[in-house]
Amino acid sequence: TGLPAHFSALVAAVARMRALKTEELAQAAQEPRDFAGRMFGLLAAFSFGALLIGIALMLREIRAITQPVDQLNTLIRRMGAGDFDIEYRHGPIADFNALGRHFEAMGQALRAFRAVNIERTIVEQRRNEAVLDNIGDGLVIFSDARGVERINPVAERQLGIGHGSAIGRAFDDI
């Protein structure tokens, strides 16, 4: 009868030992789970940080491209409106800088052309006025609205009107 008591004690001891070992195994398995959880959290944080850095760099690159394009559009609009005194602010992209320099050169050329063209037009206008004022015949030029646009001194004397009083009036009113 001593055997079953010893056997029961042995079974109880083995059961306690098994429970202790099961608890040790559970603790040992929990440590890698905790470590894996911390590593996953760190990996997620690093991934999120890398994503934010990537987005920030992408926005910076987009801005580096769109800013010169916007500036060139503004220069084109100004040149289209007749403002040829333009200056391109250089940026980080060499191709846009070269295009900006070409626009500046084109603006300078157009500004010089306009100055020469205006000067030439003024000279021609003065020459035409001198010819019209000094011809021996009376000359009246009418606008599309049938008003007097230009009249020379001979025509004013022939019609008996004062200098410049006919401009803009209908011929029948003179």
N, C-alpha and C. Protein backbone atom coordinates (compact mmCIF):
# COMPACT_ATOMS: atom_id res chain seq x y z
N THR A 1 0.81 -1.18 0.00
CA THR A 1 0.00 0.00 0.00
C THR A 1 0.86 1.25 0.00
N GLY A 2 2.12 1.09 0.27
CA GLY A 2 3.00 2.22 0.26
C GLY A 2 3.26 2.72 -1.15
N LEU A 3 3.13 1.82 -2.08
CA LEU A 3 3.41 2.20 -3.47
C LEU A 3 2.38 3.18 -4.00
N PRO A 4 1.13 2.96 -3.82
CA PRO A 4 0.19 3.93 -4.36
C PRO A 4 0.35 5.30 -3.71
N ALA A 5 0.75 5.39 -2.46
CA ALA A 5 0.91 6.70 -1.83
C ALA A 5 2.11 7.39 -2.44
N HIS A 6 3.20 6.58 -2.61
CA HIS A 6 4.38 7.16 -3.26
C HIS A 6 4.07 7.53 -4.72
N PHE A 7 3.29 6.67 -5.34
CA PHE A 7 2.94 6.91 -6.74
C PHE A 7 2.09 8.17 -6.86
N SER A 8 1.14 8.35 -5.95
CA SER A 8 0.29 9.53 -5.95
C SER A 8 1.12 10.76 -5.70
N ALA A 9 2.10 10.66 -4.78
CA ALA A 9 2.97 11.80 -4.49
C ALA A 9 3.82 12.11 -5.70
N LEU A 10 4.29 11.05 -6.40
CA LEU A 10 5.11 11.23 -7.60
C LEU A 10 4.28 11.87 -8.71
N VAL A 11 3.06 11.42 -8.85
CA VAL A 11 2.17 11.99 -9.88
C VAL A 11 1.91 13.46 -9.55
N ALA A 12 1.69 13.76 -8.29
CA ALA A 12 1.44 15.14 -7.87
C ALA A 12 2.67 15.99 -8.12
N ALA A 13 3.87 15.44 -7.82
CA ALA A 13 5.11 16.18 -8.03
C ALA A 13 5.33 16.41 -9.51
N VAL A 14 5.05 15.38 -10.33
CA VAL A 14 5.22 15.52 -11.78
C VAL A 14 4.23 16.56 -12.31
N ALA A 15 3.00 16.55 -11.78
CA ALA A 15 1.99 17.52 -12.22
C ALA A 15 2.43 18.94 -11.85
N ARG A 16 3.02 19.12 -10.61
CA ARG A 16 3.51 20.44 -10.21
C ARG A 16 4.66 20.87 -11.11
N MET A 17 5.55 19.91 -11.37
CA MET A 17 6.71 20.19 -12.22
C MET A 17 6.26 20.56 -13.62
N ARG A 18 5.24 19.82 -14.11
CA ARG A 18 4.71 20.11 -15.44
C ARG A 18 4.08 21.50 -15.45
N ALA A 19 3.35 21.88 -14.43
CA ALA A 19 2.72 23.19 -14.33
C ALA A 19 3.78 24.28 -14.29
N LEU A 20 4.86 24.04 -13.52
CA LEU A 20 5.96 25.02 -13.46
C LEU A 20 6.63 25.18 -14.82
N LYS A 21 6.89 24.05 -15.47
CA LYS A 21 7.54 24.09 -16.78
C LYS A 21 6.61 24.75 -17.82
N THR A 22 5.32 24.47 -17.72
CA THR A 22 4.36 25.10 -18.65
C THR A 22 4.35 26.61 -18.42
N GLU A 23 4.39 27.01 -17.15
CA GLU A 23 4.42 28.45 -16.84
C GLU A 23 5.73 29.07 -17.32
N GLU A 24 6.86 28.38 -17.14
CA GLU A 24 8.14 28.87 -17.63
C GLU A 24 8.13 29.00 -19.15
N LEU A 25 7.56 27.98 -19.82
CA LEU A 25 7.46 28.03 -21.28
C LEU A 25 6.58 29.20 -21.73
N ALA A 26 5.49 29.45 -21.02
CA ALA A 26 4.60 30.55 -21.37
C ALA A 26 5.32 31.88 -21.21
N GLN A 27 6.11 32.01 -20.09
CA GLN A 27 6.88 33.23 -19.89
C GLN A 27 7.97 33.38 -20.96
N ALA A 28 8.62 32.25 -21.28
CA ALA A 28 9.67 32.29 -22.29
C ALA A 28 9.08 32.63 -23.65
N ALA A 29 7.88 32.19 -23.96
CA ALA A 29 7.25 32.50 -25.23
C ALA A 29 6.74 33.95 -25.25
N GLN A 30 6.38 34.49 -24.09
CA GLN A 30 5.87 35.86 -24.01
C GLN A 30 6.98 36.87 -24.30
N GLU A 31 8.19 36.59 -23.88
CA GLU A 31 9.31 37.52 -24.11
C GLU A 31 9.53 37.76 -25.60
N PRO A 32 9.60 36.72 -26.48
CA PRO A 32 9.73 37.00 -27.91
C PRO A 32 8.52 37.73 -28.49
N ARG A 33 7.32 37.42 -27.95
CA ARG A 33 6.13 38.14 -28.42
C ARG A 33 6.23 39.62 -28.08
N ASP A 34 6.66 39.91 -26.87
CA ASP A 34 6.83 41.32 -26.48
C ASP A 34 7.90 41.99 -27.33
N PHE A 35 9.01 41.27 -27.55
CA PHE A 35 10.09 41.81 -28.37
C PHE A 35 9.60 42.06 -29.81
N ALA A 36 8.85 41.09 -30.36
CA ALA A 36 8.31 41.23 -31.71
C ALA A 36 7.33 42.41 -31.78
N GLY A 37 6.54 42.59 -30.74
CA GLY A 37 5.60 43.72 -30.69
C GLY A 37 6.34 45.06 -30.67
N ARG A 38 7.41 45.14 -29.87
CA ARG A 38 8.21 46.38 -29.83
C ARG A 38 8.88 46.63 -31.18
N MET A 39 9.39 45.56 -31.78
CA MET A 39 10.05 45.71 -33.09
C MET A 39 9.03 46.13 -34.16
N PHE A 40 7.82 45.57 -34.10
CA PHE A 40 6.79 45.95 -35.06
C PHE A 40 6.43 47.42 -34.88
N GLY A 41 6.32 47.87 -33.62
CA GLY A 41 6.03 49.29 -33.34
C GLY A 41 7.13 50.19 -33.88
N LEU A 42 8.40 49.79 -33.64
CA LEU A 42 9.52 50.58 -34.16
C LEU A 42 9.52 50.59 -35.69
N LEU A 43 9.26 49.43 -36.28
CA LEU A 43 9.22 49.35 -37.74
C LEU A 43 8.09 50.23 -38.29
N ALA A 44 6.94 50.21 -37.64
CA ALA A 44 5.82 51.06 -38.08
C ALA A 44 6.19 52.53 -37.94
N ALA A 45 6.83 52.91 -36.82
CA ALA A 45 7.23 54.30 -36.61
C ALA A 45 8.25 54.73 -37.66
N PHE A 46 9.25 53.88 -37.92
CA PHE A 46 10.25 54.21 -38.94
C PHE A 46 9.61 54.30 -40.33
N SER A 47 8.69 53.39 -40.62
CA SER A 47 8.01 53.42 -41.92
C SER A 47 7.20 54.70 -42.07
N PHE A 48 6.49 55.09 -41.03
CA PHE A 48 5.70 56.32 -41.07
C PHE A 48 6.62 57.53 -41.22
N GLY A 49 7.73 57.53 -40.49
CA GLY A 49 8.71 58.62 -40.63
C GLY A 49 9.28 58.69 -42.03
N ALA A 50 9.63 57.54 -42.60
CA ALA A 50 10.16 57.51 -43.96
C ALA A 50 9.11 57.99 -44.96
N LEU A 51 7.86 57.63 -44.73
CA LEU A 51 6.77 58.08 -45.60
C LEU A 51 6.64 59.60 -45.53
N LEU A 52 6.67 60.16 -44.32
CA LEU A 52 6.57 61.61 -44.18
C LEU A 52 7.76 62.32 -44.84
N ILE A 53 8.95 61.78 -44.65
CA ILE A 53 10.14 62.37 -45.30
C ILE A 53 10.00 62.29 -46.82
N GLY A 54 9.54 61.15 -47.31
CA GLY A 54 9.34 60.98 -48.76
C GLY A 54 8.33 61.97 -49.31
N ILE A 55 7.22 62.16 -48.60
CA ILE A 55 6.21 63.12 -49.04
C ILE A 55 6.77 64.54 -49.03
N ALA A 56 7.51 64.88 -47.97
CA ALA A 56 8.11 66.22 -47.89
C ALA A 56 9.09 66.45 -49.04
N LEU A 57 9.92 65.46 -49.33
CA LEU A 57 10.88 65.60 -50.44
C LEU A 57 10.16 65.68 -51.79
N MET A 58 9.10 64.90 -51.94
CA MET A 58 8.33 64.93 -53.18
C MET A 58 7.68 66.31 -53.37
N LEU A 59 7.11 66.87 -52.31
CA LEU A 59 6.50 68.20 -52.40
C LEU A 59 7.55 69.26 -52.73
N ARG A 60 8.73 69.12 -52.16
CA ARG A 60 9.82 70.06 -52.45
C ARG A 60 10.21 69.98 -53.93
N GLU A 61 10.30 68.77 -54.47
CA GLU A 61 10.66 68.61 -55.88
C GLU A 61 9.54 69.14 -56.78
N ILE A 62 8.30 68.89 -56.41
CA ILE A 62 7.18 69.40 -57.19
C ILE A 62 7.21 70.93 -57.20
N ARG A 63 7.47 71.52 -56.03
CA ARG A 63 7.56 72.98 -55.94
C ARG A 63 8.73 73.50 -56.76
N ALA A 64 9.84 72.76 -56.80
CA ALA A 64 11.01 73.17 -57.58
C ALA A 64 10.68 73.18 -59.07
N ILE A 65 9.72 72.37 -59.50
CA ILE A 65 9.33 72.33 -60.91
C ILE A 65 8.23 73.35 -61.19
N THR A 66 7.22 73.41 -60.32
CA THR A 66 6.08 74.28 -60.60
C THR A 66 6.41 75.75 -60.43
N GLN A 67 7.31 76.09 -59.52
CA GLN A 67 7.64 77.50 -59.32
C GLN A 67 8.24 78.12 -60.58
N PRO A 68 9.24 77.50 -61.25
CA PRO A 68 9.74 78.11 -62.49
C PRO A 68 8.70 78.14 -63.59
N VAL A 69 7.84 77.13 -63.66
CA VAL A 69 6.79 77.13 -64.68
C VAL A 69 5.84 78.30 -64.43
N ASP A 70 5.44 78.51 -63.18
CA ASP A 70 4.58 79.65 -62.85
C ASP A 70 5.26 80.97 -63.18
N GLN A 71 6.54 81.06 -62.86
CA GLN A 71 7.29 82.29 -63.14
C GLN A 71 7.36 82.53 -64.65
N LEU A 72 7.62 81.49 -65.44
CA LEU A 72 7.67 81.65 -66.89
C LEU A 72 6.30 82.04 -67.45
N ASN A 73 5.23 81.47 -66.91
CA ASN A 73 3.88 81.86 -67.33
C ASN A 73 3.63 83.34 -67.05
N THR A 74 4.05 83.82 -65.90
CA THR A 74 3.90 85.23 -65.56
C THR A 74 4.69 86.10 -66.54
N LEU A 75 5.92 85.69 -66.85
CA LEU A 75 6.74 86.46 -67.79
C LEU A 75 6.08 86.50 -69.17
N ILE A 76 5.53 85.38 -69.60
CA ILE A 76 4.87 85.32 -70.91
C ILE A 76 3.66 86.24 -70.93
N ARG A 77 2.86 86.23 -69.86
CA ARG A 77 1.70 87.12 -69.80
C ARG A 77 2.14 88.58 -69.84
N ARG A 78 3.19 88.93 -69.09
CA ARG A 78 3.68 90.31 -69.10
C ARG A 78 4.18 90.71 -70.48
N MET A 79 4.90 89.80 -71.14
CA MET A 79 5.40 90.11 -72.48
C MET A 79 4.23 90.25 -73.45
N GLY A 80 3.21 89.42 -73.30
CA GLY A 80 2.03 89.53 -74.15
C GLY A 80 1.30 90.84 -73.97
N ALA A 81 1.40 91.41 -72.76
CA ALA A 81 0.77 92.70 -72.47
C ALA A 81 1.66 93.88 -72.86
N GLY A 82 2.86 93.58 -73.39
CA GLY A 82 3.73 94.65 -73.86
C GLY A 82 4.82 95.05 -72.88
N ASP A 83 4.91 94.37 -71.74
CA ASP A 83 5.97 94.67 -70.77
C ASP A 83 7.16 93.78 -71.07
N PHE A 84 8.17 94.35 -71.70
CA PHE A 84 9.34 93.57 -72.09
C PHE A 84 10.49 93.72 -71.11
N ASP A 85 10.30 94.45 -70.04
CA ASP A 85 11.34 94.63 -69.03
C ASP A 85 11.18 93.52 -67.99
N ILE A 86 11.65 92.33 -68.33
CA ILE A 86 11.44 91.15 -67.47
C ILE A 86 12.77 90.63 -66.95
N GLU A 87 12.67 89.94 -65.83
CA GLU A 87 13.86 89.33 -65.23
C GLU A 87 13.44 87.99 -64.63
N TYR A 88 14.17 86.95 -64.98
CA TYR A 88 13.88 85.60 -64.49
C TYR A 88 14.73 85.33 -63.25
N ARG A 89 14.09 84.87 -62.16
CA ARG A 89 14.82 84.50 -60.94
C ARG A 89 15.26 83.04 -61.09
N HIS A 90 16.55 82.83 -61.07
CA HIS A 90 17.10 81.49 -61.30
C HIS A 90 16.75 80.56 -60.14
N GLY A 91 16.53 79.30 -60.50
CA GLY A 91 16.19 78.27 -59.52
C GLY A 91 17.12 77.08 -59.65
N PRO A 92 16.73 75.95 -59.08
CA PRO A 92 17.62 74.79 -59.04
C PRO A 92 17.66 73.96 -60.32
N ILE A 93 16.75 74.20 -61.27
CA ILE A 93 16.68 73.36 -62.46
C ILE A 93 17.32 74.10 -63.63
N ALA A 94 18.41 73.53 -64.16
CA ALA A 94 19.22 74.19 -65.20
C ALA A 94 18.42 74.46 -66.47
N ASP A 95 17.56 73.55 -66.88
CA ASP A 95 16.78 73.75 -68.11
C ASP A 95 15.85 74.96 -68.00
N PHE A 96 15.22 75.12 -66.85
CA PHE A 96 14.36 76.28 -66.65
C PHE A 96 15.19 77.56 -66.60
N ASN A 97 16.38 77.48 -66.01
CA ASN A 97 17.25 78.66 -65.97
C ASN A 97 17.64 79.08 -67.38
N ALA A 98 17.96 78.11 -68.23
CA ALA A 98 18.32 78.42 -69.62
C ALA A 98 17.12 79.04 -70.34
N LEU A 99 15.94 78.47 -70.13
CA LEU A 99 14.73 79.01 -70.76
C LEU A 99 14.46 80.42 -70.25
N GLY A 100 14.66 80.65 -68.97
CA GLY A 100 14.48 81.99 -68.41
C GLY A 100 15.45 82.99 -69.01
N ARG A 101 16.72 82.59 -69.23
CA ARG A 101 17.69 83.49 -69.86
C ARG A 101 17.27 83.81 -71.29
N HIS A 102 16.71 82.83 -72.00
CA HIS A 102 16.23 83.08 -73.36
C HIS A 102 15.06 84.08 -73.35
N PHE A 103 14.17 83.95 -72.37
CA PHE A 103 13.07 84.90 -72.26
C PHE A 103 13.59 86.31 -71.96
N GLU A 104 14.58 86.40 -71.08
CA GLU A 104 15.17 87.71 -70.79
C GLU A 104 15.77 88.32 -72.05
N ALA A 105 16.51 87.52 -72.83
CA ALA A 105 17.12 88.02 -74.06
C ALA A 105 16.03 88.43 -75.06
N MET A 106 14.97 87.63 -75.15
CA MET A 106 13.89 87.97 -76.06
C MET A 106 13.22 89.28 -75.62
N GLY A 107 13.03 89.45 -74.32
CA GLY A 107 12.45 90.69 -73.80
C GLY A 107 13.32 91.90 -74.12
N GLN A 108 14.64 91.75 -73.98
CA GLN A 108 15.56 92.85 -74.31
C GLN A 108 15.49 93.17 -75.80
N ALA A 109 15.45 92.14 -76.64
CA ALA A 109 15.38 92.36 -78.09
C ALA A 109 14.07 93.04 -78.47
N LEU A 110 12.96 92.60 -77.87
CA LEU A 110 11.67 93.21 -78.17
C LEU A 110 11.60 94.65 -77.66
N ARG A 111 12.20 94.89 -76.50
CA ARG A 111 12.24 96.25 -75.96
C ARG A 111 13.01 97.17 -76.90
N ALA A 112 14.16 96.69 -77.38
CA ALA A 112 14.96 97.48 -78.32
C ALA A 112 14.22 97.68 -79.63
N PHE A 113 13.57 96.62 -80.12
CA PHE A 113 12.81 96.72 -81.37
C PHE A 113 11.67 97.72 -81.22
N ARG A 114 10.96 97.65 -80.09
CA ARG A 114 9.85 98.58 -79.86
C ARG A 114 10.35 100.01 -79.82
N ALA A 115 11.47 100.24 -79.15
CA ALA A 115 12.02 101.60 -79.07
C ALA A 115 12.38 102.12 -80.46
N VAL A 116 13.02 101.28 -81.25
CA VAL A 116 13.38 101.69 -82.62
C VAL A 116 12.12 101.89 -83.45
N ASN A 117 11.17 100.99 -83.31
CA ASN A 117 9.93 101.07 -84.08
C ASN A 117 9.13 102.31 -83.70
N ILE A 118 9.04 102.63 -82.41
CA ILE A 118 8.32 103.82 -81.97
C ILE A 118 9.03 105.07 -82.50
N GLU A 119 10.34 105.08 -82.40
CA GLU A 119 11.11 106.23 -82.89
C GLU A 119 10.88 106.40 -84.39
N ARG A 120 10.93 105.31 -85.13
CA ARG A 120 10.71 105.36 -86.57
C ARG A 120 9.30 105.85 -86.89
N THR A 121 8.32 105.38 -86.14
CA THR A 121 6.94 105.81 -86.35
C THR A 121 6.78 107.31 -86.08
N ILE A 122 7.40 107.79 -85.03
CA ILE A 122 7.32 109.22 -84.70
C ILE A 122 7.96 110.05 -85.81
N VAL A 123 9.12 109.61 -86.28
CA VAL A 123 9.80 110.34 -87.36
C VAL A 123 8.92 110.37 -88.61
N GLU A 124 8.33 109.23 -88.96
CA GLU A 124 7.46 109.18 -90.14
C GLU A 124 6.22 110.04 -89.95
N GLN A 125 5.67 110.02 -88.75
CA GLN A 125 4.48 110.83 -88.48
C GLN A 125 4.81 112.32 -88.62
N ARG A 126 5.93 112.74 -88.09
CA ARG A 126 6.33 114.15 -88.20
C ARG A 126 6.58 114.53 -89.66
N ARG A 127 7.20 113.63 -90.41
CA ARG A 127 7.44 113.89 -91.82
C ARG A 127 6.12 114.01 -92.57
N ASN A 128 5.17 113.13 -92.31
CA ASN A 128 3.86 113.19 -92.96
C ASN A 128 3.13 114.48 -92.60
N GLU A 129 3.21 114.88 -91.32
CA GLU A 129 2.57 116.13 -90.91
C GLU A 129 3.20 117.32 -91.62
N ALA A 130 4.53 117.30 -91.75
CA ALA A 130 5.21 118.40 -92.44
C ALA A 130 4.78 118.46 -93.90
N VAL A 131 4.68 117.31 -94.55
CA VAL A 131 4.24 117.28 -95.95
C VAL A 131 2.82 117.79 -96.06
N LEU A 132 1.92 117.29 -95.19
CA LEU A 132 0.52 117.71 -95.25
C LEU A 132 0.37 119.20 -94.98
N ASP A 133 1.15 119.73 -94.03
CA ASP A 133 1.05 121.15 -93.68
C ASP A 133 1.61 122.05 -94.77
N ASN A 134 2.52 121.55 -95.60
CA ASN A 134 3.21 122.41 -96.56
C ASN A 134 2.83 122.18 -98.01
N ILE A 135 1.87 121.32 -98.30
CA ILE A 135 1.46 121.19 -99.70
C ILE A 135 0.60 122.39 -100.07
N GLY A 136 0.58 122.71 -101.33
CA GLY A 136 -0.13 123.91 -101.79
C GLY A 136 -1.63 123.73 -101.90
N ASP A 137 -2.12 122.53 -101.87
CA ASP A 137 -3.56 122.28 -102.00
C ASP A 137 -4.18 122.08 -100.62
N GLY A 138 -5.45 122.39 -100.54
CA GLY A 138 -6.19 122.14 -99.31
C GLY A 138 -6.46 120.65 -99.17
N LEU A 139 -6.25 120.12 -97.97
CA LEU A 139 -6.41 118.68 -97.75
C LEU A 139 -7.19 118.45 -96.47
N VAL A 140 -8.26 117.64 -96.57
CA VAL A 140 -9.06 117.27 -95.40
C VAL A 140 -9.12 115.75 -95.37
N ILE A 141 -8.81 115.15 -94.22
CA ILE A 141 -8.86 113.69 -94.05
C ILE A 141 -9.98 113.40 -93.06
N PHE A 142 -10.86 112.46 -93.47
CA PHE A 142 -12.01 112.12 -92.64
C PHE A 142 -11.81 110.78 -91.94
N SER A 143 -12.41 110.64 -90.77
CA SER A 143 -12.39 109.38 -90.03
C SER A 143 -13.51 108.48 -90.54
N ASP A 144 -13.55 107.26 -90.06
CA ASP A 144 -14.62 106.32 -90.44
C ASP A 144 -15.99 106.85 -90.00
N ALA A 145 -16.01 107.65 -88.95
CA ALA A 145 -17.27 108.21 -88.45
C ALA A 145 -17.66 109.48 -89.19
N ARG A 146 -16.96 109.83 -90.27
CA ARG A 146 -17.21 110.98 -91.13
C ARG A 146 -16.91 112.31 -90.45
N GLY A 147 -16.10 112.27 -89.43
CA GLY A 147 -15.65 113.51 -88.81
C GLY A 147 -14.29 113.88 -89.37
N VAL A 148 -13.92 115.15 -89.24
CA VAL A 148 -12.62 115.61 -89.74
C VAL A 148 -11.55 115.08 -88.80
N GLU A 149 -10.65 114.34 -89.38
CA GLU A 149 -9.55 113.76 -88.59
C GLU A 149 -8.30 114.61 -88.72
N ARG A 150 -8.09 115.17 -89.90
CA ARG A 150 -6.88 115.98 -90.15
C ARG A 150 -7.24 117.01 -91.21
N ILE A 151 -6.77 118.23 -91.02
CA ILE A 151 -6.98 119.28 -92.00
C ILE A 151 -5.72 120.13 -92.04
N ASN A 152 -5.26 120.46 -93.24
CA ASN A 152 -4.03 121.25 -93.32
C ASN A 152 -4.35 122.75 -93.32
N PRO A 153 -3.35 123.60 -93.09
CA PRO A 153 -3.60 125.06 -93.01
C PRO A 153 -4.19 125.65 -94.29
N VAL A 154 -3.83 125.13 -95.46
CA VAL A 154 -4.38 125.65 -96.71
C VAL A 154 -5.89 125.44 -96.73
N ALA A 155 -6.36 124.23 -96.35
CA ALA A 155 -7.80 123.95 -96.34
C ALA A 155 -8.50 124.82 -95.30
N GLU A 156 -7.88 125.04 -94.14
CA GLU A 156 -8.48 125.91 -93.13
C GLU A 156 -8.66 127.33 -93.69
N ARG A 157 -7.65 127.85 -94.40
CA ARG A 157 -7.76 129.19 -94.99
C ARG A 157 -8.84 129.20 -96.07
N GLN A 158 -8.88 128.14 -96.89
CA GLN A 158 -9.87 128.09 -97.97
C GLN A 158 -11.30 128.04 -97.42
N LEU A 159 -11.47 127.35 -96.29
CA LEU A 159 -12.80 127.22 -95.69
C LEU A 159 -13.11 128.35 -94.72
N GLY A 160 -12.10 129.15 -94.39
CA GLY A 160 -12.31 130.28 -93.51
C GLY A 160 -12.57 129.89 -92.07
N ILE A 161 -11.86 128.88 -91.59
CA ILE A 161 -12.03 128.43 -90.20
C ILE A 161 -10.72 128.58 -89.44
N GLY A 162 -10.83 128.63 -88.11
CA GLY A 162 -9.64 128.78 -87.28
C GLY A 162 -8.83 127.49 -87.21
N HIS A 163 -7.59 127.64 -86.84
CA HIS A 163 -6.66 126.51 -86.76
C HIS A 163 -7.15 125.49 -85.74
N GLY A 164 -7.37 124.26 -86.19
CA GLY A 164 -7.75 123.14 -85.31
C GLY A 164 -9.20 123.10 -84.93
N SER A 165 -10.02 124.07 -85.38
CA SER A 165 -11.42 124.08 -84.94
C SER A 165 -12.29 123.05 -85.66
N ALA A 166 -11.79 122.47 -86.74
CA ALA A 166 -12.59 121.51 -87.51
C ALA A 166 -12.41 120.08 -87.04
N ILE A 167 -11.38 119.79 -86.28
CA ILE A 167 -11.06 118.42 -85.90
C ILE A 167 -12.23 117.81 -85.11
N GLY A 168 -12.68 116.65 -85.59
CA GLY A 168 -13.74 115.91 -84.93
C GLY A 168 -15.13 116.30 -85.36
N ARG A 169 -15.29 117.39 -86.05
CA ARG A 169 -16.62 117.84 -86.50
C ARG A 169 -16.94 117.26 -87.88
N ALA A 170 -18.20 117.17 -88.21
CA ALA A 170 -18.62 116.73 -89.53
C ALA A 170 -18.33 117.85 -90.53
N PHE A 171 -18.01 117.49 -91.74
CA PHE A 171 -17.65 118.48 -92.76
C PHE A 171 -18.80 119.45 -93.02
N ASP A 172 -20.02 118.95 -92.97
CA ASP A 172 -21.17 119.81 -93.22
C ASP A 172 -21.34 120.85 -92.13
N ASP A 173 -20.81 120.61 -90.92
CA ASP A 173 -20.93 121.54 -89.81
C ASP A 173 -19.90 122.67 -89.87
N ILE A 174 -18.93 122.53 -90.74
CA ILE A 174 -17.85 123.53 -90.79
C ILE A 174 -18.30 124.72 -91.61
